[in-house]
């Protein structure tokens, strides 16, 4: 039986440092009950529409409008809107490895048929991580002109990997991006973190 081609979501590997900066500010402002996972979940629910509106030149909401929705979802006070907006504007392009990813990637990359799909502002966003040594193909939203969860980016990724949908598996921690992959005909699997997908591969997936 042939090994399925595995397409990973870039957010399993790298994360924006803006989330940590925003969380630190919230904690210093007496909201130490807010945790990272709900913050990132709220961000990823609202931020794609901000990017989509601005890319299509629609009069979309400004950053403060997006942050206001995020903070409302987290039940955080209005007073945080301005400083958190500044943080996301300043740190939006700064990234670092997810915990454990840098150590596990070299072992993980021994698996054949490994590919990456990434939502990035430009082709230089992932250069500091030297990810091309681990993946057979990397498909960037900045090249395709569409971001996950839009079906087009998954379709382009499969084309680039010479893969049919029935042999393609997309893995992400984000529900919407998994649903997008399924909409493009791929199998979609949702995991909690990079370590979970690493364990799946160790078990022969």
C-alpha atoms as a PDB file:
ATOM      1  CA  UNK A   1       0.000   0.000   0.000  1.00  0.00           C
ATOM      2  CA  UNK A   2       1.433   3.397  -1.003  1.00  0.00           C
ATOM      3  CA  UNK A   3       2.157   6.026   1.633  1.00  0.00           C
ATOM      4  CA  UNK A   4      -0.295   8.906   1.558  1.00  0.00           C
ATOM      5  CA  UNK A   5       1.054  12.371   0.892  1.00  0.00           C
ATOM      6  CA  UNK A   6       0.925  14.409   4.059  1.00  0.00           C
ATOM      7  CA  UNK A   7       0.311  18.170   3.878  1.00  0.00           C
ATOM      8  CA  UNK A   8       0.992  20.069   7.099  1.00  0.00           C
ATOM      9  CA  UNK A   9      -0.393  23.421   8.189  1.00  0.00           C
ATOM     10  CA  UNK A  10       2.433  25.880   8.869  1.00  0.00           C
ATOM     11  CA  UNK A  11       0.861  26.823  12.205  1.00  0.00           C
ATOM     12  CA  UNK A  12       1.816  23.388  13.552  1.00  0.00           C
ATOM     13  CA  UNK A  13       5.449  24.411  13.126  1.00  0.00           C
ATOM     14  CA  UNK A  14       5.732  28.164  13.639  1.00  0.00           C
ATOM     15  CA  UNK A  15       3.707  30.756  15.485  1.00  0.00           C
ATOM     16  CA  UNK A  16       3.416  34.507  15.570  1.00  0.00           C
ATOM     17  CA  UNK A  17       5.178  36.155  18.498  1.00  0.00           C
ATOM     18  CA  UNK A  18       2.320  38.672  18.520  1.00  0.00           C
ATOM     19  CA  UNK A  19       0.131  36.245  20.480  1.00  0.00           C
ATOM     20  CA  UNK A  20       2.667  36.008  23.297  1.00  0.00           C
ATOM     21  CA  UNK A  21       3.117  39.790  23.392  1.00  0.00           C
ATOM     22  CA  UNK A  22      -0.663  40.319  23.448  1.00  0.00           C
ATOM     23  CA  UNK A  23      -1.160  37.729  26.168  1.00  0.00           C
ATOM     24  CA  UNK A  24       1.592  39.269  28.302  1.00  0.00           C
ATOM     25  CA  UNK A  25      -0.094  42.676  28.021  1.00  0.00           C
ATOM     26  CA  UNK A  26      -3.482  41.241  28.982  1.00  0.00           C
ATOM     27  CA  UNK A  27      -1.943  39.473  31.972  1.00  0.00           C
ATOM     28  CA  UNK A  28      -0.176  42.636  33.120  1.00  0.00           C
ATOM     29  CA  UNK A  29      -3.512  44.434  32.872  1.00  0.00           C
ATOM     30  CA  UNK A  30      -5.272  42.168  35.387  1.00  0.00           C
ATOM     31  CA  UNK A  31      -6.621  39.656  32.844  1.00  0.00           C
ATOM     32  CA  UNK A  32      -4.393  36.757  33.879  1.00  0.00           C
ATOM     33  CA  UNK A  33      -7.321  34.342  33.440  1.00  0.00           C
ATOM     34  CA  UNK A  34      -7.035  34.523  29.619  1.00  0.00           C
ATOM     35  CA  UNK A  35      -5.011  31.649  28.139  1.00  0.00           C
ATOM     36  CA  UNK A  36      -3.101  31.301  24.885  1.00  0.00           C
ATOM     37  CA  UNK A  37      -5.383  28.758  23.188  1.00  0.00           C
ATOM     38  CA  UNK A  38      -8.599  30.858  23.362  1.00  0.00           C
ATOM     39  CA  UNK A  39      -6.658  33.954  22.258  1.00  0.00           C
ATOM     40  CA  UNK A  40      -5.231  32.227  19.183  1.00  0.00           C
ATOM     41  CA  UNK A  41      -8.601  30.642  18.416  1.00  0.00           C
ATOM     42  CA  UNK A  42     -10.347  34.033  18.475  1.00  0.00           C
ATOM     43  CA  UNK A  43      -7.588  35.585  16.360  1.00  0.00           C
ATOM     44  CA  UNK A  44      -7.786  32.904  13.677  1.00  0.00           C
ATOM     45  CA  UNK A  45     -11.577  33.178  13.545  1.00  0.00           C
ATOM     46  CA  UNK A  46     -11.560  36.921  12.867  1.00  0.00           C
ATOM     47  CA  UNK A  47      -8.247  37.873  11.269  1.00  0.00           C
ATOM     48  CA  UNK A  48      -8.652  36.070   7.884  1.00  0.00           C
ATOM     49  CA  UNK A  49     -11.584  38.324   6.979  1.00  0.00           C
ATOM     50  CA  UNK A  50      -9.434  41.389   7.671  1.00  0.00           C
ATOM     51  CA  UNK A  51      -6.800  40.116   5.221  1.00  0.00           C
ATOM     52  CA  UNK A  52      -9.379  39.067   2.629  1.00  0.00           C
ATOM     53  CA  UNK A  53     -11.103  42.459   2.640  1.00  0.00           C
ATOM     54  CA  UNK A  54      -7.870  44.380   2.299  1.00  0.00           C
ATOM     55  CA  UNK A  55      -6.500  42.120  -0.432  1.00  0.00           C
ATOM     56  CA  UNK A  56      -9.684  42.546  -2.466  1.00  0.00           C
ATOM     57  CA  UNK A  57      -9.616  46.319  -1.821  1.00  0.00           C
ATOM     58  CA  UNK A  58     -12.944  46.229  -0.028  1.00  0.00           C
ATOM     59  CA  UNK A  59     -13.524  48.680   2.786  1.00  0.00           C
ATOM     60  CA  UNK A  60     -12.942  46.118   5.478  1.00  0.00           C
ATOM     61  CA  UNK A  61     -12.531  46.701   9.220  1.00  0.00           C
ATOM     62  CA  UNK A  62      -9.314  48.262  10.470  1.00  0.00           C
ATOM     63  CA  UNK A  63      -7.095  46.320  12.874  1.00  0.00           C
ATOM     64  CA  UNK A  64      -8.781  47.846  15.917  1.00  0.00           C
ATOM     65  CA  UNK A  65     -12.131  46.521  14.680  1.00  0.00           C
ATOM     66  CA  UNK A  66     -10.742  43.003  14.461  1.00  0.00           C
ATOM     67  CA  UNK A  67      -9.114  43.246  17.877  1.00  0.00           C
ATOM     68  CA  UNK A  68     -12.379  44.550  19.345  1.00  0.00           C
ATOM     69  CA  UNK A  69     -14.117  41.359  18.119  1.00  0.00           C
ATOM     70  CA  UNK A  70     -11.323  39.196  19.545  1.00  0.00           C
ATOM     71  CA  UNK A  71     -11.472  40.880  22.954  1.00  0.00           C
ATOM     72  CA  UNK A  72     -15.278  40.726  23.004  1.00  0.00           C
ATOM     73  CA  UNK A  73     -15.038  36.973  22.428  1.00  0.00           C
ATOM     74  CA  UNK A  74     -12.562  36.745  25.305  1.00  0.00           C
ATOM     75  CA  UNK A  75     -14.733  39.009  27.498  1.00  0.00           C
ATOM     76  CA  UNK A  76     -11.834  41.444  27.897  1.00  0.00           C
ATOM     77  CA  UNK A  77     -12.405  45.189  28.541  1.00  0.00           C
ATOM     78  CA  UNK A  78     -12.517  47.813  25.787  1.00  0.00           C
ATOM     79  CA  UNK A  79      -9.457  49.538  27.276  1.00  0.00           C
ATOM     80  CA  UNK A  80      -7.233  46.821  25.759  1.00  0.00           C
ATOM     81  CA  UNK A  81      -8.284  47.487  22.143  1.00  0.00           C
ATOM     82  CA  UNK A  82      -5.707  50.179  21.349  1.00  0.00           C
ATOM     83  CA  UNK A  83      -2.584  48.546  22.876  1.00  0.00           C
ATOM     84  CA  UNK A  84      -3.440  45.059  21.538  1.00  0.00           C
ATOM     85  CA  UNK A  85      -4.069  46.542  18.072  1.00  0.00           C
ATOM     86  CA  UNK A  86      -0.608  48.113  18.192  1.00  0.00           C
ATOM     87  CA  UNK A  87       0.930  44.800  19.233  1.00  0.00           C
ATOM     88  CA  UNK A  88      -0.639  42.851  16.359  1.00  0.00           C
ATOM     89  CA  UNK A  89       0.342  45.554  13.882  1.00  0.00           C
ATOM     90  CA  UNK A  90       3.933  45.584  15.130  1.00  0.00           C
ATOM     91  CA  UNK A  91       4.549  41.856  15.589  1.00  0.00           C
ATOM     92  CA  UNK A  92       2.322  40.337  12.885  1.00  0.00           C
ATOM     93  CA  UNK A  93       5.292  39.206  10.745  1.00  0.00           C
ATOM     94  CA  UNK A  94       7.509  37.976  13.592  1.00  0.00           C
ATOM     95  CA  UNK A  95       7.486  34.215  14.036  1.00  0.00           C
ATOM     96  CA  UNK A  96       9.200  31.523  16.069  1.00  0.00           C
ATOM     97  CA  UNK A  97       9.117  27.728  16.159  1.00  0.00           C
ATOM     98  CA  UNK A  98       6.276  26.070  18.025  1.00  0.00           C
ATOM     99  CA  UNK A  99       7.420  24.238  21.136  1.00  0.00           C
ATOM    100  CA  UNK A 100       9.072  20.941  20.190  1.00  0.00           C
ATOM    101  CA  UNK A 101       8.836  21.460  16.427  1.00  0.00           C
ATOM    102  CA  UNK A 102      12.463  22.440  15.860  1.00  0.00           C
ATOM    103  CA  UNK A 103      13.712  19.334  17.683  1.00  0.00           C
ATOM    104  CA  UNK A 104      11.272  16.876  16.080  1.00  0.00           C
ATOM    105  CA  UNK A 105      11.335  18.131  12.483  1.00  0.00           C
ATOM    106  CA  UNK A 106      14.562  16.393  11.418  1.00  0.00           C
ATOM    107  CA  UNK A 107      13.191  13.009  12.553  1.00  0.00           C
ATOM    108  CA  UNK A 108       9.747  13.750  11.166  1.00  0.00           C
ATOM    109  CA  UNK A 109      11.183  14.624   7.753  1.00  0.00           C
ATOM    110  CA  UNK A 110      12.445  11.058   7.276  1.00  0.00           C
ATOM    111  CA  UNK A 111       8.903  10.224   6.176  1.00  0.00           C
ATOM    112  CA  UNK A 112       8.372  10.320   2.403  1.00  0.00           C
ATOM    113  CA  UNK A 113       5.651  12.442   0.860  1.00  0.00           C
ATOM    114  CA  UNK A 114       5.825  15.381   3.265  1.00  0.00           C
ATOM    115  CA  UNK A 115       4.494  18.782   2.142  1.00  0.00           C
ATOM    116  CA  UNK A 116       3.672  22.158   3.699  1.00  0.00           C
ATOM    117  CA  UNK A 117       0.864  24.665   3.079  1.00  0.00           C
ATOM    118  CA  UNK A 118       1.410  28.102   4.587  1.00  0.00           C
ATOM    119  CA  UNK A 119      -0.549  31.327   4.963  1.00  0.00           C
ATOM    120  CA  UNK A 120       2.131  34.011   4.714  1.00  0.00           C
ATOM    121  CA  UNK A 121       2.373  37.660   3.731  1.00  0.00           C
ATOM    122  CA  UNK A 122       5.294  37.056   1.349  1.00  0.00           C
ATOM    123  CA  UNK A 123       7.780  34.384   0.240  1.00  0.00           C
ATOM    124  CA  UNK A 124      10.363  35.568   2.772  1.00  0.00           C
ATOM    125  CA  UNK A 125       8.213  34.913   5.868  1.00  0.00           C
ATOM    126  CA  UNK A 126       9.455  31.363   6.440  1.00  0.00           C
ATOM    127  CA  UNK A 127      13.037  31.761   5.204  1.00  0.00           C
ATOM    128  CA  UNK A 128      14.585  31.999   8.709  1.00  0.00           C
ATOM    129  CA  UNK A 129      13.313  28.486   9.502  1.00  0.00           C
ATOM    130  CA  UNK A 130      14.943  26.768   6.489  1.00  0.00           C
ATOM    131  CA  UNK A 131      11.898  24.524   6.082  1.00  0.00           C
ATOM    132  CA  UNK A 132      12.641  23.508   2.488  1.00  0.00           C
ATOM    133  CA  UNK A 133      15.128  20.916   3.737  1.00  0.00           C
ATOM    134  CA  UNK A 134      12.260  19.069   5.425  1.00  0.00           C
ATOM    135  CA  UNK A 135       9.477  19.231   2.813  1.00  0.00           C
ATOM    136  CA  UNK A 136       9.239  18.010  -0.777  1.00  0.00           C
ATOM    137  CA  UNK A 137       7.034  20.985  -1.653  1.00  0.00           C
ATOM    138  CA  UNK A 138       5.953  24.190   0.101  1.00  0.00           C
ATOM    139  CA  UNK A 139       2.859  26.026  -1.119  1.00  0.00           C
ATOM    140  CA  UNK A 140       2.544  29.659  -0.028  1.00  0.00           C
ATOM    141  CA  UNK A 141      -0.644  31.708  -0.004  1.00  0.00           C
ATOM    142  CA  UNK A 142       1.350  34.710  -1.229  1.00  0.00           C
ATOM    143  CA  UNK A 143       2.212  32.759  -4.408  1.00  0.00           C
ATOM    144  CA  UNK A 144      -1.236  31.258  -4.946  1.00  0.00           C
ATOM    145  CA  UNK A 145      -3.249  34.396  -4.185  1.00  0.00           C
ATOM    146  CA  UNK A 146      -5.549  32.503  -1.814  1.00  0.00           C
ATOM    147  CA  UNK A 147      -5.288  31.624   1.867  1.00  0.00           C
ATOM    148  CA  UNK A 148      -6.461  28.614   3.795  1.00  0.00           C
ATOM    149  CA  UNK A 149      -9.289  27.676   4.165  1.00  0.00           C
ATOM    150  CA  UNK A 150     -10.080  28.606   0.526  1.00  0.00           C
ATOM    151  CA  UNK A 151     -10.072  25.429  -1.646  1.00  0.00           C
ATOM    152  CA  UNK A 152      -7.749  26.931  -4.270  1.00  0.00           C
ATOM    153  CA  UNK A 153      -4.623  26.797  -2.093  1.00  0.00           C
ATOM    154  CA  UNK A 154      -5.157  23.103  -1.305  1.00  0.00           C
ATOM    155  CA  UNK A 155      -5.739  22.346  -4.973  1.00  0.00           C
ATOM    156  CA  UNK A 156      -2.544  24.156  -5.951  1.00  0.00           C
ATOM    157  CA  UNK A 157      -0.631  22.300  -3.237  1.00  0.00           C
ATOM    158  CA  UNK A 158      -1.812  18.953  -4.611  1.00  0.00           C
ATOM    159  CA  UNK A 159      -0.889  19.994  -8.143  1.00  0.00           C
ATOM    160  CA  UNK A 160       2.576  21.007  -6.982  1.00  0.00           C
ATOM    161  CA  UNK A 161       3.016  17.652  -5.234  1.00  0.00           C
ATOM    162  CA  UNK A 162       1.562  15.683  -8.188  1.00  0.00           C
ATOM    163  CA  UNK A 163      -0.990  14.261  -5.769  1.00  0.00           C
ATOM    164  CA  UNK A 164      -4.603  13.196  -6.229  1.00  0.00           C
ATOM    165  CA  UNK A 165      -7.139  14.153  -3.535  1.00  0.00           C
ATOM    166  CA  UNK A 166      -7.690  10.525  -2.514  1.00  0.00           C
ATOM    167  CA  UNK A 167      -3.985  10.138  -1.629  1.00  0.00           C
ATOM    168  CA  UNK A 168      -3.676  13.522   0.122  1.00  0.00           C
ATOM    169  CA  UNK A 169      -4.049  14.213   3.829  1.00  0.00           C
ATOM    170  CA  UNK A 170      -4.026  17.701   5.360  1.00  0.00           C
ATOM    171  CA  UNK A 171      -3.246  18.080   9.069  1.00  0.00           C
ATOM    172  CA  UNK A 172      -3.911  21.191  11.149  1.00  0.00           C
ATOM    173  CA  UNK A 173      -4.890  22.331  14.615  1.00  0.00           C
ATOM    174  CA  UNK A 174      -7.431  24.712  13.047  1.00  0.00           C
ATOM    175  CA  UNK A 175     -10.971  23.442  12.434  1.00  0.00           C
ATOM    176  CA  UNK A 176     -11.700  25.831   9.543  1.00  0.00           C
ATOM    177  CA  UNK A 177      -8.524  24.882   7.692  1.00  0.00           C
ATOM    178  CA  UNK A 178      -9.279  21.178   8.050  1.00  0.00           C
ATOM    179  CA  UNK A 179     -12.774  21.828   6.672  1.00  0.00           C
ATOM    180  CA  UNK A 180     -11.237  23.765   3.769  1.00  0.00           C
ATOM    181  CA  UNK A 181      -9.033  20.796   2.901  1.00  0.00           C
ATOM    182  CA  UNK A 182     -12.020  18.461   2.952  1.00  0.00           C
ATOM    183  CA  UNK A 183     -13.829  20.865   0.656  1.00  0.00           C
ATOM    184  CA  UNK A 184     -10.946  20.467  -1.806  1.00  0.00           C
ATOM    185  CA  UNK A 185     -11.329  16.685  -1.703  1.00  0.00           C
ATOM    186  CA  UNK A 186      -8.486  15.883   0.702  1.00  0.00           C
ATOM    187  CA  UNK A 187      -8.721  13.920   3.889  1.00  0.00           C
ATOM    188  CA  UNK A 188      -8.554  16.400   6.765  1.00  0.00           C
ATOM    189  CA  UNK A 189      -7.266  15.576  10.235  1.00  0.00           C
ATOM    190  CA  UNK A 190      -7.327  17.921  13.208  1.00  0.00           C
ATOM    191  CA  UNK A 191      -4.643  17.536  15.869  1.00  0.00           C
ATOM    192  CA  UNK A 192      -3.769  19.490  18.994  1.00  0.00           C
ATOM    193  CA  UNK A 193      -0.120  20.170  18.165  1.00  0.00           C
ATOM    194  CA  UNK A 194       2.937  19.078  16.197  1.00  0.00           C
ATOM    195  CA  UNK A 195       3.799  16.355  18.689  1.00  0.00           C
ATOM    196  CA  UNK A 196       0.467  14.630  18.034  1.00  0.00           C
ATOM    197  CA  UNK A 197       1.030  14.387  14.275  1.00  0.00           C
ATOM    198  CA  UNK A 198       4.603  13.249  14.954  1.00  0.00           C
ATOM    199  CA  UNK A 199       3.239  10.371  17.034  1.00  0.00           C
ATOM    200  CA  UNK A 200       0.839   9.469  14.216  1.00  0.00           C
ATOM    201  CA  UNK A 201       3.757   9.186  11.794  1.00  0.00           C
ATOM    202  CA  UNK A 202       5.752   7.069  14.281  1.00  0.00           C
ATOM    203  CA  UNK A 203       2.797   4.707  14.406  1.00  0.00           C
ATOM    204  CA  UNK A 204       2.967   4.322  10.622  1.00  0.00           C
ATOM    205  CA  UNK A 205       0.458   6.836   9.301  1.00  0.00           C
END
